[in-house]
C-alpha atoms as a PDB file:
ATOM      1  CA  MET A   1     -17.280 183.318 -36.633  1.00  0.00           C
ATOM      2  CA  ASN A   2     -15.042 181.836 -39.709  1.00  0.00           C
ATOM      3  CA  ARG A   3     -12.172 183.932 -40.845  1.00  0.00           C
ATOM      4  CA  ALA A   4     -14.068 185.429 -43.912  1.00  0.00           C
ATOM      5  CA  GLU A   5     -16.901 186.534 -41.757  1.00  0.00           C
ATOM      6  CA  VAL A   6     -14.644 188.442 -38.956  1.00  0.00           C
ATOM      7  CA  ILE A   7     -12.669 190.313 -42.162  1.00  0.00           C
ATOM      8  CA  PHE A   8     -15.518 191.737 -43.540  1.00  0.00           C
ATOM      9  CA  ALA A   9     -17.491 192.255 -40.268  1.00  0.00           C
ATOM     10  CA  ALA A  10     -14.357 194.662 -39.489  1.00  0.00           C
ATOM     11  CA  ILE A  11     -14.620 196.332 -43.216  1.00  0.00           C
ATOM     12  CA  ASP A  12     -17.967 197.254 -42.844  1.00  0.00           C
ATOM     13  CA  VAL A  13     -17.158 198.869 -39.298  1.00  0.00           C
ATOM     14  CA  LEU A  14     -13.731 200.631 -40.851  1.00  0.00           C
ATOM     15  CA  PHE A  15     -15.384 201.736 -43.867  1.00  0.00           C
ATOM     16  CA  HIS A  16     -18.865 202.760 -42.755  1.00  0.00           C
ATOM     17  CA  ILE A  17     -18.615 206.313 -42.253  1.00  0.00           C
ATOM     18  CA  PRO A  18     -16.161 207.361 -44.343  1.00  0.00           C
ATOM     19  CA  GLN A  19     -18.699 205.740 -47.153  1.00  0.00           C
ATOM     20  CA  ASN A  20     -21.756 207.261 -45.571  1.00  0.00           C
ATOM     21  CA  TYR A  21     -21.439 210.644 -44.959  1.00  0.00           C
ATOM     22  CA  ILE A  22     -23.166 212.255 -47.663  1.00  0.00           C
ATOM     23  CA  ARG A  23     -26.967 212.592 -47.184  1.00  0.00           C
ATOM     24  CA  TYR A  24     -29.415 214.687 -48.918  1.00  0.00           C
ATOM     25  CA  LYS A  25     -32.319 216.726 -47.020  1.00  0.00           C
ATOM     26  CA  ASP A  26     -35.183 215.837 -49.623  1.00  0.00           C
ATOM     27  CA  ILE A  27     -34.926 212.113 -49.276  1.00  0.00           C
ATOM     28  CA  GLU A  28     -37.734 209.914 -47.378  1.00  0.00           C
ATOM     29  CA  CYS A  29     -36.791 206.591 -45.831  1.00  0.00           C
ATOM     30  CA  GLU A  30     -38.481 203.811 -45.260  1.00  0.00           C
ATOM     31  CA  LYS A  31     -37.027 200.483 -43.414  1.00  0.00           C
ATOM     32  CA  ASP A  32     -36.871 197.031 -42.862  1.00  0.00           C
ATOM     33  CA  ILE A  33     -39.736 196.433 -45.610  1.00  0.00           C
ATOM     34  CA  VAL A  34     -39.938 192.467 -45.493  1.00  0.00           C
ATOM     35  CA  TYR A  35     -40.171 191.433 -49.523  1.00  0.00           C
ATOM     36  CA  SER A  36     -39.353 187.775 -48.810  1.00  0.00           C
ATOM     37  CA  ASP A  37     -40.601 184.925 -46.275  1.00  0.00           C
ATOM     38  CA  ALA A  38     -37.769 182.883 -47.381  1.00  0.00           C
ATOM     39  CA  ASP A  39     -36.040 184.430 -43.921  1.00  0.00           C
ATOM     40  CA  ILE A  40     -38.175 187.608 -42.756  1.00  0.00           C
ATOM     41  CA  GLU A  41     -34.875 188.806 -40.328  1.00  0.00           C
ATOM     42  CA  ALA A  42     -32.660 188.716 -43.704  1.00  0.00           C
ATOM     43  CA  CYS A  43     -35.104 189.372 -46.458  1.00  0.00           C
ATOM     44  CA  LYS A  44     -35.687 192.575 -45.842  1.00  0.00           C
ATOM     45  CA  ALA A  45     -35.188 196.431 -47.774  1.00  0.00           C
ATOM     46  CA  ASP A  46     -34.858 200.046 -47.177  1.00  0.00           C
ATOM     47  CA  ILE A  47     -36.715 202.433 -49.678  1.00  0.00           C
ATOM     48  CA  TYR A  48     -35.335 205.522 -50.633  1.00  0.00           C
ATOM     49  CA  TYR A  49     -36.945 208.419 -53.142  1.00  0.00           C
ATOM     50  CA  LYS A  50     -37.113 212.184 -53.384  1.00  0.00           C
ATOM     51  CA  LYS A  51     -39.830 214.212 -52.116  1.00  0.00           C
ATOM     52  CA  GLY A  52     -41.685 215.639 -55.275  1.00  0.00           C
ATOM     53  CA  ALA A  53     -39.388 213.341 -57.737  1.00  0.00           C
ATOM     54  CA  LYS A  54     -40.650 213.242 -61.111  1.00  0.00           C
ATOM     55  CA  THR A  55     -43.186 210.284 -61.306  1.00  0.00           C
ATOM     56  CA  PRO A  56     -43.531 207.489 -62.629  1.00  0.00           C
ATOM     57  CA  MET A  57     -40.189 206.912 -60.888  1.00  0.00           C
ATOM     58  CA  PRO A  58     -37.529 204.683 -62.435  1.00  0.00           C
ATOM     59  CA  VAL A  59     -36.132 202.024 -59.803  1.00  0.00           C
ATOM     60  CA  ILE A  60     -32.682 201.565 -58.617  1.00  0.00           C
ATOM     61  CA  ALA A  61     -32.481 197.912 -57.151  1.00  0.00           C
ATOM     62  CA  ASN A  62     -29.210 197.663 -54.983  1.00  0.00           C
ATOM     63  CA  ILE A  63     -27.373 194.914 -53.517  1.00  0.00           C
ATOM     64  CA  HIS A  64     -24.577 195.045 -51.028  1.00  0.00           C
ATOM     65  CA  GLY A  65     -20.910 193.542 -51.141  1.00  0.00           C
ATOM     66  CA  GLY A  66     -19.565 191.339 -48.185  1.00  0.00           C
ATOM     67  CA  GLY A  67     -17.856 188.175 -49.339  1.00  0.00           C
ATOM     68  CA  PHE A  68     -21.681 186.604 -49.328  1.00  0.00           C
ATOM     69  CA  VAL A  69     -20.771 186.232 -45.533  1.00  0.00           C
ATOM     70  CA  LYS A  70     -21.527 189.939 -44.247  1.00  0.00           C
ATOM     71  CA  GLY A  71     -22.575 193.368 -45.216  1.00  0.00           C
ATOM     72  CA  ASP A  72     -25.920 194.860 -44.643  1.00  0.00           C
ATOM     73  CA  LYS A  73     -27.831 197.633 -46.659  1.00  0.00           C
ATOM     74  CA  LYS A  74     -27.516 199.835 -43.663  1.00  0.00           C
ATOM     75  CA  HIS A  75     -23.893 200.416 -45.231  1.00  0.00           C
ATOM     76  CA  ARG A  76     -24.742 201.818 -48.130  1.00  0.00           C
ATOM     77  CA  ILE A  77     -26.744 204.672 -47.250  1.00  0.00           C
ATOM     78  CA  SER A  78     -25.454 207.437 -49.180  1.00  0.00           C
ATOM     79  CA  ILE A  79     -24.775 205.590 -52.800  1.00  0.00           C
ATOM     80  CA  SER A  80     -28.730 204.952 -51.911  1.00  0.00           C
ATOM     81  CA  HIS A  81     -29.150 208.891 -51.151  1.00  0.00           C
ATOM     82  CA  MET A  82     -26.931 209.897 -54.140  1.00  0.00           C
ATOM     83  CA  TYR A  83     -29.747 207.522 -56.335  1.00  0.00           C
ATOM     84  CA  ALA A  84     -32.480 208.747 -55.003  1.00  0.00           C
ATOM     85  CA  GLU A  85     -31.398 212.358 -55.434  1.00  0.00           C
ATOM     86  CA  ARG A  86     -31.445 211.892 -59.036  1.00  0.00           C
ATOM     87  CA  GLY A  87     -34.663 210.645 -59.152  1.00  0.00           C
ATOM     88  CA  TRP A  88     -34.633 207.084 -58.885  1.00  0.00           C
ATOM     89  CA  PHE A  89     -36.611 205.323 -56.321  1.00  0.00           C
ATOM     90  CA  VAL A  90     -34.071 202.923 -54.389  1.00  0.00           C
ATOM     91  CA  LEU A  91     -34.921 199.340 -53.051  1.00  0.00           C
ATOM     92  CA  ASN A  92     -31.547 198.919 -51.056  1.00  0.00           C
ATOM     93  CA  MET A  93     -31.794 194.992 -50.013  1.00  0.00           C
ATOM     94  CA  ASN A  94     -30.254 192.569 -47.888  1.00  0.00           C
ATOM     95  CA  TYR A  95     -30.653 188.598 -48.379  1.00  0.00           C
ATOM     96  CA  ARG A  96     -29.804 185.806 -46.912  1.00  0.00           C
ATOM     97  CA  LEU A  97     -26.258 185.286 -46.080  1.00  0.00           C
ATOM     98  CA  SER A  98     -23.532 182.366 -46.278  1.00  0.00           C
ATOM     99  CA  PRO A  99     -23.054 180.149 -44.474  1.00  0.00           C
ATOM    100  CA  LYS A 100     -25.888 180.078 -42.588  1.00  0.00           C
ATOM    101  CA  TYR A 101     -27.366 179.804 -46.719  1.00  0.00           C
ATOM    102  CA  ALA A 102     -25.314 178.374 -50.157  1.00  0.00           C
ATOM    103  CA  PHE A 103     -26.034 179.152 -53.299  1.00  0.00           C
ATOM    104  CA  PRO A 104     -28.658 180.070 -54.857  1.00  0.00           C
ATOM    105  CA  ALA A 105     -30.174 180.994 -52.068  1.00  0.00           C
ATOM    106  CA  PRO A 106     -29.215 185.447 -52.294  1.00  0.00           C
ATOM    107  CA  VAL A 107     -29.742 185.111 -56.429  1.00  0.00           C
ATOM    108  CA  GLU A 108     -33.272 183.482 -54.855  1.00  0.00           C
ATOM    109  CA  ASP A 109     -33.718 186.597 -52.662  1.00  0.00           C
ATOM    110  CA  VAL A 110     -32.748 189.383 -55.463  1.00  0.00           C
ATOM    111  CA  ILE A 111     -35.216 187.718 -57.514  1.00  0.00           C
ATOM    112  CA  ASN A 112     -38.069 187.944 -54.906  1.00  0.00           C
ATOM    113  CA  ALA A 113     -36.896 191.392 -53.949  1.00  0.00           C
ATOM    114  CA  VAL A 114     -37.362 192.606 -57.652  1.00  0.00           C
ATOM    115  CA  ASN A 115     -40.490 190.826 -57.867  1.00  0.00           C
ATOM    116  CA  TYR A 116     -41.497 192.940 -54.955  1.00  0.00           C
ATOM    117  CA  LEU A 117     -41.216 195.875 -56.437  1.00  0.00           C
ATOM    118  CA  THR A 118     -44.644 195.188 -58.269  1.00  0.00           C
ATOM    119  CA  GLU A 119     -46.729 195.535 -54.827  1.00  0.00           C
ATOM    120  CA  LEU A 120     -44.790 198.734 -54.294  1.00  0.00           C
ATOM    121  CA  LYS A 121     -45.434 200.336 -57.769  1.00  0.00           C
ATOM    122  CA  SER A 122     -48.938 201.410 -57.293  1.00  0.00           C
ATOM    123  CA  ARG A 123     -48.269 203.238 -53.759  1.00  0.00           C
ATOM    124  CA  PHE A 124     -44.636 204.745 -55.006  1.00  0.00           C
ATOM    125  CA  ASP A 125     -46.196 205.009 -58.821  1.00  0.00           C
ATOM    126  CA  LEU A 126     -42.979 203.289 -59.682  1.00  0.00           C
ATOM    127  CA  ASN A 127     -41.813 202.693 -63.641  1.00  0.00           C
ATOM    128  CA  LEU A 128     -41.142 199.054 -63.971  1.00  0.00           C
ATOM    129  CA  ASP A 129     -39.743 199.459 -67.308  1.00  0.00           C
ATOM    130  CA  LYS A 130     -37.166 201.310 -66.148  1.00  0.00           C
ATOM    131  CA  VAL A 131     -35.882 198.773 -63.363  1.00  0.00           C
ATOM    132  CA  VAL A 132     -31.746 198.915 -62.855  1.00  0.00           C
ATOM    133  CA  LEU A 133     -29.745 196.003 -60.466  1.00  0.00           C
ATOM    134  CA  THR A 134     -26.933 197.554 -59.166  1.00  0.00           C
ATOM    135  CA  GLY A 135     -24.358 195.601 -56.536  1.00  0.00           C
ATOM    136  CA  ASP A 136     -20.877 196.192 -55.177  1.00  0.00           C
ATOM    137  CA  SER A 137     -18.341 192.958 -55.098  1.00  0.00           C
ATOM    138  CA  ALA A 138     -20.333 190.171 -53.803  1.00  0.00           C
ATOM    139  CA  GLY A 139     -23.658 192.325 -54.760  1.00  0.00           C
ATOM    140  CA  ALA A 140     -22.328 192.612 -58.267  1.00  0.00           C
ATOM    141  CA  TYR A 141     -22.253 189.193 -58.782  1.00  0.00           C
ATOM    142  CA  LEU A 142     -25.513 188.633 -57.663  1.00  0.00           C
ATOM    143  CA  ALA A 143     -26.564 190.732 -59.858  1.00  0.00           C
ATOM    144  CA  ALA A 144     -25.153 189.733 -62.537  1.00  0.00           C
ATOM    145  CA  GLU A 145     -26.305 186.206 -61.631  1.00  0.00           C
ATOM    146  CA  ALA A 146     -29.958 187.090 -61.275  1.00  0.00           C
ATOM    147  CA  GLU A 147     -29.848 188.656 -64.823  1.00  0.00           C
ATOM    148  CA  ALA A 148     -28.043 185.264 -65.893  1.00  0.00           C
ATOM    149  CA  VAL A 149     -31.328 183.862 -64.540  1.00  0.00           C
ATOM    150  CA  ILE A 150     -33.867 185.777 -66.330  1.00  0.00           C
ATOM    151  CA  THR A 151     -32.154 185.607 -69.494  1.00  0.00           C
ATOM    152  CA  ASN A 152     -31.549 181.962 -69.068  1.00  0.00           C
ATOM    153  CA  ASP A 153     -34.529 179.479 -68.819  1.00  0.00           C
ATOM    154  CA  ASP A 154     -32.777 176.225 -68.181  1.00  0.00           C
ATOM    155  CA  LEU A 155     -30.182 178.148 -65.740  1.00  0.00           C
ATOM    156  CA  ARG A 156     -33.139 179.114 -63.897  1.00  0.00           C
ATOM    157  CA  ALA A 157     -34.967 175.601 -63.656  1.00  0.00           C
ATOM    158  CA  ARG A 158     -31.659 173.879 -62.089  1.00  0.00           C
ATOM    159  CA  LEU A 159     -31.234 176.657 -59.517  1.00  0.00           C
ATOM    160  CA  ASN A 160     -35.583 176.569 -58.679  1.00  0.00           C
ATOM    161  CA  ILE A 161     -35.409 179.905 -58.959  1.00  0.00           C
ATOM    162  CA  PRO A 162     -39.242 182.385 -59.288  1.00  0.00           C
ATOM    163  CA  GLU A 163     -39.406 183.466 -62.353  1.00  0.00           C
ATOM    164  CA  CYS A 164     -38.486 187.054 -62.243  1.00  0.00           C
ATOM    165  CA  LYS A 165     -41.849 189.433 -63.015  1.00  0.00           C
ATOM    166  CA  VAL A 166     -39.698 192.299 -64.216  1.00  0.00           C
ATOM    167  CA  LYS A 167     -37.190 192.817 -66.675  1.00  0.00           C
ATOM    168  CA  PRO A 168     -33.851 194.884 -66.036  1.00  0.00           C
ATOM    169  CA  ALA A 169     -33.474 198.015 -68.133  1.00  0.00           C
ATOM    170  CA  GLY A 170     -30.191 198.233 -67.430  1.00  0.00           C
ATOM    171  CA  LEU A 171     -27.179 196.556 -64.812  1.00  0.00           C
ATOM    172  CA  ALA A 172     -24.550 198.770 -63.193  1.00  0.00           C
ATOM    173  CA  LEU A 173     -22.171 196.411 -61.855  1.00  0.00           C
ATOM    174  CA  PHE A 174     -19.105 197.530 -59.354  1.00  0.00           C
ATOM    175  CA  CYS A 175     -15.658 195.350 -58.946  1.00  0.00           C
ATOM    176  CA  GLY A 176     -17.576 192.032 -59.088  1.00  0.00           C
ATOM    177  CA  PRO A 177     -16.279 188.255 -59.155  1.00  0.00           C
ATOM    178  CA  TYR A 178     -17.980 187.314 -62.343  1.00  0.00           C
ATOM    179  CA  ASP A 179     -15.973 184.293 -62.944  1.00  0.00           C
ATOM    180  CA  MET A 180     -15.910 182.599 -59.658  1.00  0.00           C
ATOM    181  CA  LEU A 181     -14.250 179.568 -60.914  1.00  0.00           C
ATOM    182  CA  ALA A 182     -11.117 181.822 -61.570  1.00  0.00           C
ATOM    183  CA  ALA A 183     -11.651 183.134 -58.120  1.00  0.00           C
ATOM    184  CA  ILE A 184     -11.879 180.558 -56.304  1.00  0.00           C
ATOM    185  CA  ASN A 185      -8.277 179.611 -57.875  1.00  0.00           C
ATOM    186  CA  ALA A 186      -7.214 183.313 -56.769  1.00  0.00           C
ATOM    187  CA  LYS A 187      -3.831 183.411 -54.847  1.00  0.00           C
ATOM    188  CA  ILE A 188      -4.666 185.274 -51.550  1.00  0.00           C
ATOM    189  CA  PRO A 189      -3.309 185.254 -48.089  1.00  0.00           C
ATOM    190  CA  PHE A 190      -4.986 183.419 -45.519  1.00  0.00           C
ATOM    191  CA  GLY A 191      -6.816 180.968 -47.080  1.00  0.00           C
ATOM    192  CA  LEU A 192      -9.792 183.764 -47.513  1.00  0.00           C
ATOM    193  CA  VAL A 193     -10.675 182.251 -51.173  1.00  0.00           C
ATOM    194  CA  LYS A 194     -10.754 179.210 -49.778  1.00  0.00           C
ATOM    195  CA  CYS A 195     -13.168 179.915 -47.002  1.00  0.00           C
ATOM    196  CA  ILE A 196     -15.363 181.960 -48.767  1.00  0.00           C
ATOM    197  CA  ALA A 197     -16.011 179.613 -51.408  1.00  0.00           C
ATOM    198  CA  GLU A 198     -17.051 177.028 -48.753  1.00  0.00           C
ATOM    199  CA  SER A 199     -19.065 179.187 -47.245  1.00  0.00           C
ATOM    200  CA  PHE A 200     -21.064 180.453 -50.298  1.00  0.00           C
ATOM    201  CA  MET A 201     -21.164 177.005 -51.893  1.00  0.00           C
ATOM    202  CA  GLY A 202     -21.877 175.014 -49.287  1.00  0.00           C
ATOM    203  CA  TYR A 203     -19.538 172.534 -50.558  1.00  0.00           C
ATOM    204  CA  LYS A 204     -15.688 171.367 -47.999  1.00  0.00           C
ATOM    205  CA  LEU A 205     -13.143 171.734 -51.024  1.00  0.00           C
ATOM    206  CA  ASP A 206      -9.858 169.405 -50.784  1.00  0.00           C
ATOM    207  CA  LYS A 207      -6.920 171.193 -50.171  1.00  0.00           C
ATOM    208  CA  GLY A 208      -6.000 171.283 -53.866  1.00  0.00           C
ATOM    209  CA  LEU A 209      -9.452 172.060 -55.001  1.00  0.00           C
ATOM    210  CA  GLY A 210      -9.360 168.621 -56.853  1.00  0.00           C
ATOM    211  CA  ASN A 211     -13.104 167.950 -55.514  1.00  0.00           C
ATOM    212  CA  LEU A 212     -14.594 171.183 -56.711  1.00  0.00           C
ATOM    213  CA  SER A 213     -15.342 169.932 -60.275  1.00  0.00           C
ATOM    214  CA  GLU A 214     -17.985 167.828 -58.222  1.00  0.00           C
ATOM    215  CA  TYR A 215     -19.668 170.419 -57.181  1.00  0.00           C
ATOM    216  CA  LYS A 216     -23.752 170.487 -57.777  1.00  0.00           C
ATOM    217  CA  TYR A 217     -23.410 173.682 -59.274  1.00  0.00           C
ATOM    218  CA  ILE A 218     -20.544 173.879 -60.657  1.00  0.00           C
ATOM    219  CA  LYS A 219     -21.864 174.640 -64.150  1.00  0.00           C
ATOM    220  CA  ASP A 220     -24.002 177.477 -63.182  1.00  0.00           C
ATOM    221  CA  ILE A 221     -21.903 180.083 -60.504  1.00  0.00           C
ATOM    222  CA  ALA A 222     -20.110 181.840 -62.893  1.00  0.00           C
ATOM    223  CA  PRO A 223     -22.533 184.784 -64.530  1.00  0.00           C
ATOM    224  CA  ILE A 224     -19.992 185.401 -66.959  1.00  0.00           C
ATOM    225  CA  ASP A 225     -20.687 182.310 -68.664  1.00  0.00           C
ATOM    226  CA  TYR A 226     -24.506 182.719 -69.326  1.00  0.00           C
ATOM    227  CA  VAL A 227     -24.218 186.362 -70.825  1.00  0.00           C
ATOM    228  CA  ASN A 228     -26.187 186.646 -74.427  1.00  0.00           C
ATOM    229  CA  SER A 229     -27.905 189.250 -76.296  1.00  0.00           C
ATOM    230  CA  ASP A 230     -30.398 189.617 -74.556  1.00  0.00           C
ATOM    231  CA  TRP A 231     -28.891 190.974 -71.156  1.00  0.00           C
ATOM    232  CA  ALA A 232     -29.682 194.781 -70.504  1.00  0.00           C
ATOM    233  CA  PRO A 233     -27.261 197.591 -71.068  1.00  0.00           C
ATOM    234  CA  THR A 234     -24.542 197.389 -68.822  1.00  0.00           C
ATOM    235  CA  VAL A 235     -22.140 199.985 -66.828  1.00  0.00           C
ATOM    236  CA  LEU A 236     -19.113 198.337 -65.239  1.00  0.00           C
ATOM    237  CA  THR A 237     -16.265 199.778 -62.614  1.00  0.00           C
ATOM    238  CA  MET A 238     -13.045 197.687 -62.072  1.00  0.00           C
ATOM    239  CA  ALA A 239      -9.917 198.147 -60.557  1.00  0.00           C
ATOM    240  CA  LYS A 240      -6.478 197.537 -62.438  1.00  0.00           C
ATOM    241  CA  LYS A 241      -4.790 196.170 -59.676  1.00  0.00           C
ATOM    242  CA  ASP A 242      -8.035 194.611 -57.532  1.00  0.00           C
ATOM    243  CA  PHE A 243      -6.766 192.278 -55.020  1.00  0.00           C
ATOM    244  CA  PHE A 244     -10.185 190.929 -54.681  1.00  0.00           C
ATOM    245  CA  CYS A 245     -11.087 190.561 -58.119  1.00  0.00           C
ATOM    246  CA  LYS A 246      -8.327 191.342 -60.475  1.00  0.00           C
ATOM    247  CA  GLY A 247      -9.141 190.748 -63.997  1.00  0.00           C
ATOM    248  CA  HIS A 248     -12.765 190.189 -63.787  1.00  0.00           C
ATOM    249  CA  GLY A 249     -14.337 193.451 -64.933  1.00  0.00           C
ATOM    250  CA  GLU A 250     -11.888 193.076 -67.826  1.00  0.00           C
ATOM    251  CA  SER A 251     -13.480 190.026 -69.277  1.00  0.00           C
ATOM    252  CA  MET A 252     -17.295 190.467 -68.075  1.00  0.00           C
ATOM    253  CA  TYR A 253     -16.605 193.756 -70.367  1.00  0.00           C
ATOM    254  CA  SER A 254     -15.216 191.503 -73.598  1.00  0.00           C
ATOM    255  CA  LYS A 255     -18.029 188.746 -73.062  1.00  0.00           C
ATOM    256  CA  LEU A 256     -20.984 191.501 -73.426  1.00  0.00           C
ATOM    257  CA  GLN A 257     -18.774 193.062 -76.340  1.00  0.00           C
ATOM    258  CA  ALA A 258     -18.775 189.889 -78.136  1.00  0.00           C
ATOM    259  CA  ALA A 259     -22.608 189.388 -77.159  1.00  0.00           C
ATOM    260  CA  GLY A 260     -23.409 192.666 -78.898  1.00  0.00           C
ATOM    261  CA  VAL A 261     -25.017 194.094 -75.507  1.00  0.00           C
ATOM    262  CA  LYS A 262     -24.618 198.077 -74.858  1.00  0.00           C
ATOM    263  CA  VAL A 263     -21.618 198.258 -72.285  1.00  0.00           C
ATOM    264  CA  SER A 264     -19.672 201.080 -70.932  1.00  0.00           C
ATOM    265  CA  GLU A 265     -16.683 200.776 -68.181  1.00  0.00           C
ATOM    266  CA  HIS A 266     -14.727 202.997 -65.932  1.00  0.00           C
ATOM    267  CA  HIS A 267     -11.899 201.574 -64.266  1.00  0.00           C
ATOM    268  CA  SER A 268      -9.123 202.834 -61.835  1.00  0.00           C
ATOM    269  CA  VAL A 269      -4.823 202.452 -62.294  1.00  0.00           C
ATOM    270  CA  LYS A 270      -3.927 203.035 -59.014  1.00  0.00           C
ATOM    271  CA  PHE A 271      -3.315 200.343 -56.214  1.00  0.00           C
ATOM    272  CA  ILE A 272      -4.973 202.990 -53.665  1.00  0.00           C
ATOM    273  CA  ASP A 273      -7.900 202.952 -55.944  1.00  0.00           C
ATOM    274  CA  ASN A 274      -8.449 199.708 -54.959  1.00  0.00           C
ATOM    275  CA  HIS A 275     -11.609 197.051 -55.082  1.00  0.00           C
ATOM    276  CA  CYS A 276     -14.848 199.449 -54.946  1.00  0.00           C
ATOM    277  CA  TYR A 277     -12.677 202.342 -55.317  1.00  0.00           C
ATOM    278  CA  HIS A 278     -15.887 204.476 -55.920  1.00  0.00           C
ATOM    279  CA  PHE A 279     -17.215 204.458 -52.412  1.00  0.00           C
ATOM    280  CA  ASN A 280     -14.211 206.845 -51.724  1.00  0.00           C
ATOM    281  CA  TYR A 281     -16.519 210.051 -53.041  1.00  0.00           C
ATOM    282  CA  TRP A 282     -13.725 212.334 -52.535  1.00  0.00           C
ATOM    283  CA  VAL A 283     -11.180 211.284 -54.737  1.00  0.00           C
ATOM    284  CA  LYS A 284     -10.799 211.708 -58.351  1.00  0.00           C
ATOM    285  CA  ALA A 285     -11.461 207.945 -59.770  1.00  0.00           C
ATOM    286  CA  SER A 286     -14.787 207.885 -57.722  1.00  0.00           C
ATOM    287  CA  LYS A 287     -15.986 211.118 -59.155  1.00  0.00           C
ATOM    288  CA  GLU A 288     -14.976 210.381 -62.579  1.00  0.00           C
ATOM    289  CA  ALA A 289     -17.058 206.704 -62.161  1.00  0.00           C
ATOM    290  CA  MET A 290     -20.080 208.114 -60.080  1.00  0.00           C
ATOM    291  CA  ALA A 291     -20.235 210.200 -62.852  1.00  0.00           C
ATOM    292  CA  MET A 292     -20.484 207.778 -65.436  1.00  0.00           C
ATOM    293  CA  VAL A 293     -22.792 205.946 -63.785  1.00  0.00           C
ATOM    294  CA  PHE A 294     -25.003 208.771 -63.178  1.00  0.00           C
ATOM    295  CA  GLY A 295     -24.349 209.309 -66.920  1.00  0.00           C
ATOM    296  CA  PHE A 296     -25.529 206.238 -67.764  1.00  0.00           C
ATOM    297  CA  LEU A 297     -28.714 206.153 -65.570  1.00  0.00           C
ATOM    298  CA  ASP A 298     -29.434 209.502 -67.206  1.00  0.00           C
ATOM    299  CA  GLY A 299     -29.375 207.976 -70.522  1.00  0.00           C
ATOM    300  CA  LEU A 300     -31.888 204.808 -69.098  1.00  0.00           C
ATOM    301  CA  TYR A 301     -34.370 207.607 -68.256  1.00  0.00           C
ATOM    302  CA  ALA A 302     -35.143 210.838 -69.177  1.00  0.00           C
ATOM    303  CA  TYR A 303     -34.055 212.620 -66.016  1.00  0.00           C
ATOM    304  CA  LYS A 304     -31.720 215.394 -67.056  1.00  0.00           C
ATOM    305  CA  LYS A 305     -29.634 216.746 -64.115  1.00  0.00           C
ATOM    306  CA  PRO A 306     -26.549 217.710 -65.262  1.00  0.00           C
ATOM    307  CA  VAL A 307     -23.653 215.513 -64.315  1.00  0.00           C
ATOM    308  CA  GLU A 308     -21.844 216.747 -61.251  1.00  0.00           C
ATOM    309  CA  THR A 309     -19.268 215.828 -58.650  1.00  0.00           C
ATOM    310  CA  VAL A 310     -21.088 213.924 -55.876  1.00  0.00           C
ATOM    311  CA  THR A 311     -18.999 216.668 -53.434  1.00  0.00           C
ATOM    312  CA  GLU A 312     -20.319 219.507 -55.211  1.00  0.00           C
ATOM    313  CA  ASN A 313     -23.184 222.387 -55.820  1.00  0.00           C
ATOM    314  CA  ALA A 314     -25.643 219.398 -53.863  1.00  0.00           C
ATOM    315  CA  GLU A 315     -27.983 220.287 -50.513  1.00  0.00           C
ATOM    316  CA  LYS A 316     -26.326 217.705 -48.321  1.00  0.00           C
ATOM    317  CA  GLU A 317     -25.970 216.902 -44.559  1.00  0.00           C
ATOM    318  CA  THR A 318     -22.525 216.088 -44.087  1.00  0.00           C
ATOM    319  CA  GLN A 319     -22.408 214.920 -40.337  1.00  0.00           C
ATOM    320  CA  THR A 320     -19.554 214.542 -38.333  1.00  0.00           C
ATOM    321  CA  ALA A 321     -18.226 210.913 -37.507  1.00  0.00           C
ATOM    322  CA  GLU A 322     -20.470 211.082 -34.211  1.00  0.00           C
ATOM    323  CA  ASP A 323     -23.864 212.321 -35.561  1.00  0.00           C
ATOM    324  CA  THR A 324     -23.653 209.716 -38.269  1.00  0.00           C
ATOM    325  CA  ALA A 325     -23.213 207.128 -36.273  1.00  0.00           C
ATOM    326  CA  SER A 326     -26.062 208.079 -34.128  1.00  0.00           C
ATOM    327  CA  ALA A 327     -28.384 208.656 -36.803  1.00  0.00           C
ATOM    328  CA  ASP A 328     -27.652 204.944 -37.908  1.00  0.00           C
ATOM    329  CA  ALA A 329     -27.916 203.632 -34.606  1.00  0.00           C
ATOM    330  CA  GLU A 330     -31.216 204.697 -34.217  1.00  0.00           C
END
């Protein structure tokens, strides 16, 4: 494994339990549904839905982060439960990871996963007019890049991406790197950015990045460059002191506003509330961010459950760390 894979693998292990302690007893789950034959081991999704949910169910397609090189749907159990508890059908997807697969493979996977919803529609009574793309960090990037492809036929043709059969009704983007050129030029220790960039692009960079402009998709990898008035209403979260994606949320917010897209945002200001702070469900900044996201979702679909903090007034299974690890292993 390269250094990026090692670091993000460690993050997955360290943060799995604190980010996945919220479970609801009335949520059904089906695991490892293959949505594409591009790589049947990588292209799998878990689905979550609430017993007795109002139908047709609106849909959330969730894309995990992990620096494009690691991460897994199994680390996004709690947030899937939280969406499902509010009446949403959740497609929690894996996708092809770098460095084995380079851009635009994961973008193609997102489109194929969304298209797979058309096969699930009749079985689960889904409302495909109310599909929201969401993701955190690299997953937020992929959601945004997928929307760029969906709303720009020239970009889709250059990347040779299948046409999307479903038009998203909304985007919920958590702390993503939307300007990839700015991300690649960011100053982060241990050569991490260069390692991630080379893995993601499948392209060897010079020490001074002098050959970056020669990369085949150099004009296609920044979704912020493809924001237009056709983008779906969007909610953004961003950390003002983000050590991975500082400034990206602010820039995306400005671009969406300038394009006339309906957009709202929540930002943290403390250093401790850093990259993807929304996963720290017990802290104030997360509670505020998730309440805003839930309000955004409720506004897209007539499911009027009052917004509440994610740790209060809910019948949930709060397992011990040992129980959670055991349940996930099964």
